[in-house]
C-alpha cells in the first residue's frame, strides 16, 4: 500500500505558484521587514498582513507513516504599509506567525499521542480541525489586541504565546515517523 497526501491551508490561501524560496519556515529567528513586500498605501488603515499557515504532508507505505508538519509564511502574500514599519507592528505580525507554529506543534502533539491509532485514520480531517482552531485563535488575537493597538492586551498575548511555545517545545521537530 502506498499513499501520499500534501496539504497547505493558510489564513490567506497560498498560491499554487509559490516557490520554496518565497516560503519562510518558522524558526526561533524573528521576522524582519525584509520578509514582507513593501506597499505605499497612505489612506489604508491596515498596517501589515502576515500570510501564514500550516504545511502538512504524509507518506504512508507498508513500512509505516512519515508525517511533516511546518508553520510557514508566504512572503509574496505578506506585506507592510510603508507608513507602518514600526517595531510594535512587526512584533504583532510575528505573533501571528508564532500562533501558526503553536498549531503546528499541537498537530504534531496529536499525531504523537495518537500515533498509529489515529494517524492512519483520515489525517486530512484531523489537519482541518487544527486549521480551524488556528483561524479562531488568529481572529481572537486580532480582536482582543485591536490589531495590536491595545498595548496591554498585546503584551498579555505575547506572554501567552511565549508560554504556549515553551510548553509545546517537545513537539518542535517538523518530521515524525512510525514503523
Foldseek 3Di string as FASTA:
>chain_A
DKDKDKDWQKPPRDDPPQDPVQKDWDDPDADAQVLAAEDADPPDPDFKDWIKAKIWMKIQDPQWMKIFITIMTGRVPIHGHVVNRDPLLSLLNRLLSLLRLLLSLVLLVVCVVCPPVPCPPPSVVVRVVSRVVSVVVNVVLCVQCVSRVNVVSSVVSVVVSVVSCVVSVVSNDRMDIDD
